[in-house]
Amino acid sequence: MKTREELRVLQTNWRSDPCWDIEETEGFEEYREELKTYRSFVEDMWREDKYRRLVRMSNKYACSIELAEHIELLENRLAQLEAKS
């Protein structure tokens, strides 16, 4: 059985790179439901943060949230291109 400390480390690692379904992590089967709830909570928090960020941007530029999202996407692409050069 994994310890609570190992569970916290897993959660921290997942938050920095959420490229897998954390509740499916081998060795943590006994925490499956807790991890599923955790993933849902964190993903909801990320969605809310994104929405708030887009609302602020849409207010700043006096545009729709959809346009703010597109602007953000373009800004991110530009930053990636600048980082490569």
Protein backbone atom coordinates (compact mmCIF):
# COMPACT_ATOMS: atom_id res chain seq x y z
CA MET A 1 0.00 0.00 0.00
CA LYS A 2 1.29 3.42 -0.98
CA THR A 3 1.65 6.05 1.76
CA ARG A 4 -0.13 9.39 1.91
CA GLU A 5 3.23 11.06 1.24
CA GLU A 6 3.65 9.01 -1.95
CA LEU A 7 0.11 10.02 -2.91
CA ARG A 8 0.95 13.71 -2.41
CA VAL A 9 4.11 13.33 -4.52
CA LEU A 10 2.07 11.67 -7.28
CA GLN A 11 -0.47 14.51 -7.20
CA THR A 12 2.28 17.14 -7.35
CA ASN A 13 3.96 15.40 -10.27
CA TRP A 14 0.67 15.06 -12.12
CA ARG A 15 -0.18 18.74 -11.68
CA SER A 16 3.08 19.76 -13.32
CA ASP A 17 2.56 17.30 -16.21
CA PRO A 18 -1.07 16.09 -16.42
CA CYS A 19 -0.57 13.92 -19.49
CA TRP A 20 -2.21 10.82 -18.01
CA ASP A 21 -5.31 9.86 -16.06
CA ILE A 22 -3.91 10.01 -12.55
CA GLU A 23 -6.52 7.60 -11.20
CA GLU A 24 -5.12 4.90 -13.50
CA THR A 25 -1.60 5.10 -12.02
CA GLU A 26 -0.21 1.66 -11.34
CA GLY A 27 0.38 0.98 -7.67
CA PHE A 28 -2.23 3.49 -6.49
CA GLU A 29 -5.31 1.35 -7.14
CA GLU A 30 -6.53 1.73 -3.55
CA TYR A 31 -6.69 5.52 -4.10
CA ARG A 32 -8.50 5.31 -7.45
CA GLU A 33 -11.71 7.12 -6.38
CA GLU A 34 -9.79 9.74 -4.41
CA LEU A 35 -7.52 10.38 -7.38
CA LYS A 36 -10.48 10.58 -9.74
CA THR A 37 -12.07 13.20 -7.47
CA TYR A 38 -8.74 15.02 -7.24
CA ARG A 39 -8.33 15.12 -11.03
CA SER A 40 -11.84 16.44 -11.48
CA PHE A 41 -11.29 19.12 -8.84
CA VAL A 42 -8.00 20.30 -10.36
CA GLU A 43 -9.36 20.30 -13.92
CA ASP A 44 -12.38 22.33 -12.76
CA MET A 45 -10.03 24.79 -11.06
CA TRP A 46 -7.94 25.11 -14.24
CA ARG A 47 -11.10 25.74 -16.31
CA GLU A 48 -12.26 28.44 -13.88
CA ASP A 49 -8.83 30.09 -13.91
CA LYS A 50 -8.80 30.08 -17.70
CA TYR A 51 -12.29 31.56 -17.85
CA ARG A 52 -11.37 34.34 -15.38
CA ARG A 53 -8.19 35.08 -17.32
CA LEU A 54 -10.14 35.29 -20.60
CA VAL A 55 -12.79 37.54 -19.03
CA ARG A 56 -10.06 39.92 -17.84
CA MET A 57 -8.48 39.90 -21.29
CA SER A 58 -11.83 40.43 -23.04
CA ASN A 59 -12.50 43.40 -20.76
CA LYS A 60 -9.02 44.80 -21.43
CA TYR A 61 -9.44 44.61 -25.21
CA ALA A 62 -13.21 45.21 -25.24
CA CYS A 63 -13.82 42.03 -27.19
CA SER A 64 -15.60 38.70 -26.82
CA ILE A 65 -14.23 35.87 -24.72
CA GLU A 66 -13.82 33.83 -27.91
CA LEU A 67 -11.66 36.55 -29.47
CA ALA A 68 -9.67 36.88 -26.23
CA GLU A 69 -9.02 33.15 -26.34
CA HIS A 70 -7.79 33.44 -29.91
CA ILE A 71 -5.53 36.39 -28.97
CA GLU A 72 -4.11 34.36 -26.11
CA LEU A 73 -3.42 31.44 -28.46
CA LEU A 74 -1.61 33.73 -30.89
CA GLU A 75 0.41 35.33 -28.08
CA ASN A 76 1.47 31.88 -26.87
CA ARG A 77 2.51 30.84 -30.38
CA LEU A 78 4.50 34.03 -30.78
CA ALA A 79 6.26 33.45 -27.44
CA GLN A 80 7.16 29.90 -28.54
CA LEU A 81 8.59 31.18 -31.81
CA GLU A 82 10.60 33.84 -30.01
CA ALA A 83 11.94 31.25 -27.58
CA LYS A 84 13.20 29.11 -30.48
CA SER A 85 15.21 31.94 -31.99
